[in-house]
Amino acid sequence: MQQFTDTHAHTVASTHAFSTVDEYFREASAKGLHLFSITDHGPEMPDSPHPWHFGNMRVLPRVKDGVALLRGIEANIVPDERIVDANETLMSFMDFAIASFHEPVFPPSDRLTHTKAMIAAIESGRIQIIGHPGNPNYPIEIDAVVQACVAHGVAIEINNSSFHVSRHGSEPHCMAILEAAAREGAQVAAASDAHVAYAVGDVSTSLQKIMAARIEPEAVVTLTARSLLDFLARHGRPVATELAAWLHDLEKKMGA
């Protein structure tokens, strides 16, 4: 199994990360990626960019050196009626949103509280991917969350960084989530969660775990630019149309 996209990466706009958009383009091109995403943290994180950052992502090139860019956000699940900190106005500028728990925004609580909050984000219609749900600081009722993802067409992120750098102790939780995803026929997204350009596209461990859980390739929405854009089209995201000509040229080139 080989992947040509990445749906989760942070730039210097999230100040605990270390690379610029241009550095990501160069690294993605050098690694043979076809498409990558910038998903800086939503407004509630202490080091998040100003909300104008997200609206102004339209100044970034859609395609550079043959590599396409998606404008994303890693929204925060919040412990109040807003559900996530990416409102409809902000999302009107975005190609897609990931929703994740982060300790500075949503203090860890109990399994039921986490489950209710995550399912509310899934049901909100504002997010397309649920981010690093295997975080051991946020235990969830796995079957209930996976079933909600299936019902609403939301993909479950298998975060490569969770196996190596961040959220230590995630692996058994990630594997349990993958086993449930396989049983329920859920869609999954393998993502790097890069905080430096050198890590963009590094989803090798995530793919190993996905294969070990016997997830069918058709369920991995991030494998190709086509599978990812088709997934976003099912959510009504305009980027699928905006990049249609680029995708046609890419697939023609690959088939030549």
Protein backbone atom coordinates (compact mmCIF):
# COMPACT_ATOMS: atom_id res chain seq x y z
CA MET A 1 0.00 0.00 0.00
CA GLN A 2 1.43 3.39 -1.03
CA GLN A 3 0.03 6.84 -0.32
CA PHE A 4 0.43 10.05 -2.32
CA THR A 5 -1.32 12.60 -0.10
CA ASP A 6 -1.08 14.00 3.41
CA THR A 7 -4.02 15.60 5.21
CA HIS A 8 -2.36 16.90 8.39
CA ALA A 9 0.59 19.31 8.63
CA HIS A 10 1.45 22.43 10.63
CA THR A 11 3.45 25.48 9.59
CA VAL A 12 5.18 28.24 11.56
CA ALA A 13 1.72 29.82 11.84
CA SER A 14 1.26 27.31 14.68
CA THR A 15 4.33 28.46 16.55
CA HIS A 16 5.32 25.07 17.96
CA ALA A 17 5.94 23.98 14.34
CA PHE A 18 9.01 24.84 12.30
CA SER A 19 8.45 25.08 8.52
CA THR A 20 6.96 27.43 5.96
CA VAL A 21 4.45 26.62 3.23
CA ASP A 22 7.20 26.88 0.61
CA GLU A 23 9.34 24.38 2.51
CA TYR A 24 6.39 21.99 2.55
CA PHE A 25 5.90 22.37 -1.20
CA ARG A 26 9.56 21.62 -1.85
CA GLU A 27 9.65 18.60 0.45
CA ALA A 28 6.35 17.23 -0.87
CA SER A 29 7.62 17.51 -4.44
CA ALA A 30 10.93 15.84 -3.56
CA LYS A 31 9.06 12.94 -1.94
CA GLY A 32 6.76 12.41 -4.91
CA LEU A 33 3.57 13.47 -3.13
CA HIS A 34 0.74 14.62 -5.35
CA LEU A 35 -1.19 16.60 -2.76
CA PHE A 36 -0.71 17.80 0.80
CA SER A 37 -2.66 19.90 3.28
CA ILE A 38 -1.87 22.72 5.66
CA THR A 39 -3.95 22.29 8.82
CA ASP A 40 -2.82 24.79 11.42
CA HIS A 41 -4.53 24.81 14.80
CA GLY A 42 -7.94 26.37 15.31
CA PRO A 43 -8.38 29.66 17.22
CA GLU A 44 -8.74 28.21 20.72
CA MET A 45 -5.22 26.76 20.84
CA PRO A 46 -2.77 29.05 22.70
CA ASP A 47 -0.36 29.28 19.74
CA SER A 48 -2.92 29.22 16.93
CA PRO A 49 -2.81 31.80 14.14
CA HIS A 50 -5.27 34.67 14.03
CA PRO A 51 -8.57 33.65 12.39
CA TRP A 52 -7.68 35.87 9.41
CA HIS A 53 -4.90 33.38 8.62
CA PHE A 54 -7.49 30.84 7.50
CA GLY A 55 -9.46 33.22 5.31
CA ASN A 56 -6.28 34.49 3.71
CA MET A 57 -5.08 31.00 2.69
CA ARG A 58 -6.63 31.86 -0.69
CA VAL A 59 -3.40 33.75 -1.50
CA LEU A 60 -1.45 30.46 -1.44
CA PRO A 61 -0.93 28.71 -4.78
CA ARG A 62 -3.28 25.82 -5.43
CA VAL A 63 -0.56 23.99 -7.35
CA LYS A 64 3.21 24.48 -7.33
CA ASP A 65 5.68 22.27 -9.20
CA GLY A 66 2.84 19.88 -9.92
CA VAL A 67 1.90 19.42 -6.25
CA ALA A 68 -1.54 20.53 -5.08
CA LEU A 69 -2.32 22.18 -1.74
CA LEU A 70 -5.47 21.83 0.35
CA ARG A 71 -6.49 24.60 2.74
CA GLY A 72 -7.38 22.93 6.01
CA ILE A 73 -7.69 23.50 9.72
CA GLU A 74 -7.21 21.28 12.73
CA ALA A 75 -10.19 22.53 14.68
CA ASN A 76 -10.43 22.01 18.41
CA ILE A 77 -13.27 20.11 20.00
CA VAL A 78 -14.47 22.53 22.70
CA PRO A 79 -16.37 21.80 25.94
CA ASP A 80 -19.30 24.09 25.22
CA GLU A 81 -22.21 24.56 22.83
CA ARG A 82 -19.94 25.61 19.95
CA ILE A 83 -18.80 21.95 19.62
CA VAL A 84 -15.71 22.92 17.56
CA ASP A 85 -13.92 26.25 17.20
CA ALA A 86 -14.35 26.37 13.41
CA ASN A 87 -17.64 28.12 12.80
CA GLU A 88 -19.56 28.26 9.53
CA THR A 89 -17.93 31.54 8.48
CA LEU A 90 -14.43 30.17 8.97
CA MET A 91 -15.33 26.91 7.25
CA SER A 92 -16.53 28.81 4.18
CA PHE A 93 -12.85 29.49 3.45
CA MET A 94 -11.65 25.95 4.15
CA ASP A 95 -11.41 22.87 1.96
CA PHE A 96 -11.91 20.60 4.96
CA ALA A 97 -11.52 20.37 8.72
CA ILE A 98 -10.05 17.89 11.15
CA ALA A 99 -11.45 17.98 14.69
CA SER A 100 -9.26 16.91 17.61
CA PHE A 101 -8.99 17.04 21.36
CA HIS A 102 -6.15 19.17 22.75
CA GLU A 103 -5.40 19.46 26.45
CA PRO A 104 -5.14 23.30 26.61
CA VAL A 105 -8.63 23.60 25.10
CA PHE A 106 -10.58 20.59 26.41
CA PRO A 107 -9.19 19.38 29.75
CA PRO A 108 -9.28 15.57 29.86
CA SER A 109 -12.38 14.30 31.63
CA ASP A 110 -14.13 10.91 31.56
CA ARG A 111 -14.96 8.43 28.82
CA LEU A 112 -18.62 9.47 28.50
CA THR A 113 -17.79 13.18 28.29
CA HIS A 114 -15.15 12.58 25.62
CA THR A 115 -17.45 10.30 23.63
CA LYS A 116 -20.35 12.76 23.65
CA ALA A 117 -18.11 15.65 22.60
CA MET A 118 -16.45 13.70 19.79
CA ILE A 119 -19.77 12.44 18.44
CA ALA A 120 -21.18 15.97 18.56
CA ALA A 121 -18.25 17.13 16.40
CA ILE A 122 -18.85 14.25 13.97
CA GLU A 123 -22.56 15.09 13.78
CA SER A 124 -21.97 18.85 13.38
CA GLY A 125 -21.50 18.66 9.61
CA ARG A 126 -18.50 21.00 9.88
CA ILE A 127 -15.71 18.43 9.99
CA GLN A 128 -14.64 15.69 7.62
CA ILE A 129 -11.93 13.91 9.64
CA ILE A 130 -11.71 13.11 13.35
CA GLY A 131 -8.12 13.72 14.46
CA HIS A 132 -5.88 11.36 16.47
CA PRO A 133 -8.80 9.66 18.28
CA GLY A 134 -6.43 7.15 19.88
CA ASN A 135 -5.06 9.73 22.33
CA PRO A 136 -4.90 7.84 25.65
CA ASN A 137 -5.66 11.04 27.56
CA TYR A 138 -9.14 10.98 25.99
CA PRO A 139 -10.60 7.47 26.28
CA ILE A 140 -13.76 7.04 24.24
CA GLU A 141 -16.48 4.46 23.61
CA ILE A 142 -14.86 3.25 20.43
CA ASP A 143 -17.81 1.46 18.84
CA ALA A 144 -20.11 4.45 19.35
CA VAL A 145 -17.61 6.87 17.80
CA VAL A 146 -16.85 4.60 14.83
CA GLN A 147 -20.55 4.05 14.17
CA ALA A 148 -21.12 7.83 14.23
CA CYS A 149 -18.29 8.27 11.72
CA VAL A 150 -19.86 5.70 9.41
CA ALA A 151 -23.30 7.31 9.70
CA HIS A 152 -21.96 10.76 8.82
CA GLY A 153 -19.24 9.84 6.32
CA VAL A 154 -16.45 11.16 8.56
CA ALA A 155 -13.02 9.59 8.20
CA ILE A 156 -11.05 8.35 11.21
CA GLU A 157 -7.48 9.62 11.27
CA ILE A 158 -4.66 7.19 11.94
CA ASN A 159 -1.99 9.64 12.97
CA ASN A 160 1.60 8.58 12.24
CA SER A 161 3.01 10.90 14.90
CA SER A 162 0.94 9.14 17.57
CA PHE A 163 3.12 6.04 17.12
CA HIS A 164 6.44 7.87 17.44
CA VAL A 165 6.48 11.45 18.75
CA SER A 166 3.20 12.58 20.30
CA ARG A 167 0.49 11.18 22.57
CA HIS A 168 2.60 8.33 23.95
CA GLY A 169 0.60 5.20 24.65
CA SER A 170 -1.71 5.70 21.65
CA GLU A 171 -0.89 2.46 19.82
CA PRO A 172 -3.25 0.02 21.58
CA HIS A 173 -6.09 2.54 21.34
CA CYS A 174 -5.38 3.14 17.64
CA MET A 175 -5.41 -0.60 16.97
CA ALA A 176 -8.72 -1.03 18.80
CA ILE A 177 -10.17 1.81 16.72
CA LEU A 178 -8.88 0.18 13.53
CA GLU A 179 -10.41 -3.15 14.48
CA ALA A 180 -13.77 -1.43 15.01
CA ALA A 181 -13.35 0.46 11.74
CA ALA A 182 -12.79 -2.82 9.91
CA ARG A 183 -15.91 -4.36 11.49
CA GLU A 184 -18.11 -1.36 10.75
CA GLY A 185 -16.76 -0.49 7.30
CA ALA A 186 -15.51 2.95 8.35
CA GLN A 187 -13.33 5.22 6.24
CA VAL A 188 -9.85 6.02 7.53
CA ALA A 189 -7.25 8.68 6.76
CA ALA A 190 -3.52 8.09 7.22
CA ALA A 191 -1.79 11.37 8.10
CA SER A 192 1.65 12.51 9.21
CA ASP A 193 0.72 15.33 11.62
CA ALA A 194 3.99 16.91 10.45
CA HIS A 195 5.32 19.79 12.51
CA VAL A 196 8.34 20.17 10.24
CA ALA A 197 8.45 19.81 6.47
CA TYR A 198 10.83 16.84 6.62
CA ALA A 199 7.95 14.74 8.01
CA VAL A 200 5.34 15.55 5.37
CA GLY A 201 3.97 12.40 3.77
CA ASP A 202 5.49 10.11 6.41
CA VAL A 203 2.58 7.76 7.04
CA SER A 204 4.50 4.48 6.88
CA THR A 205 3.58 3.26 10.36
CA SER A 206 -0.06 4.31 9.96
CA LEU A 207 -0.29 2.28 6.75
CA GLN A 208 1.33 -0.74 8.43
CA LYS A 209 -1.28 -0.61 11.19
CA ILE A 210 -4.11 -0.13 8.69
CA MET A 211 -2.98 -3.20 6.75
CA ALA A 212 -2.54 -5.21 9.96
CA ALA A 213 -6.19 -4.46 10.79
CA ARG A 214 -7.22 -5.72 7.33
CA ILE A 215 -8.73 -2.39 6.30
CA GLU A 216 -9.48 -2.52 2.58
CA PRO A 217 -7.55 0.00 0.44
CA GLU A 218 -10.87 1.41 -0.80
CA ALA A 219 -11.61 2.55 2.75
CA VAL A 220 -8.39 4.62 3.00
CA VAL A 221 -9.54 7.96 1.64
CA THR A 222 -6.04 9.45 1.63
CA LEU A 223 -4.25 6.94 -0.63
CA THR A 224 -4.51 9.01 -3.81
CA ALA A 225 -5.48 12.51 -4.85
CA ARG A 226 -8.51 10.97 -6.57
CA SER A 227 -9.70 9.11 -3.47
CA LEU A 228 -9.23 12.18 -1.26
CA LEU A 229 -10.94 14.63 -3.62
CA ASP A 230 -13.79 12.18 -4.20
CA PHE A 231 -14.18 11.92 -0.42
CA LEU A 232 -14.34 15.71 -0.09
CA ALA A 233 -16.81 15.87 -2.98
CA ARG A 234 -19.14 13.60 -1.01
CA HIS A 235 -19.03 16.26 1.71
CA GLY A 236 -19.88 18.97 -0.80
CA ARG A 237 -16.48 20.67 -0.58
CA PRO A 238 -15.86 22.86 -3.66
CA VAL A 239 -12.15 22.01 -3.85
CA ALA A 240 -13.01 18.77 -5.62
CA THR A 241 -14.31 20.80 -8.58
CA GLU A 242 -11.59 23.44 -8.32
CA LEU A 243 -8.84 20.83 -8.69
CA ALA A 244 -10.64 18.68 -11.28
CA ALA A 245 -8.52 19.88 -14.22
CA TRP A 246 -5.29 19.39 -12.25
CA LEU A 247 -6.41 15.89 -11.25
CA HIS A 248 -7.25 15.02 -14.87
CA ASP A 249 -3.78 16.13 -15.99
CA LEU A 250 -2.11 14.23 -13.13
CA GLU A 251 -3.91 10.99 -13.91
CA LYS A 252 -3.23 11.39 -17.63
CA LYS A 253 0.48 11.88 -16.87
CA MET A 254 0.56 8.85 -14.55
CA GLY A 255 -1.18 6.70 -17.12
CA ALA A 256 1.19 7.71 -19.92
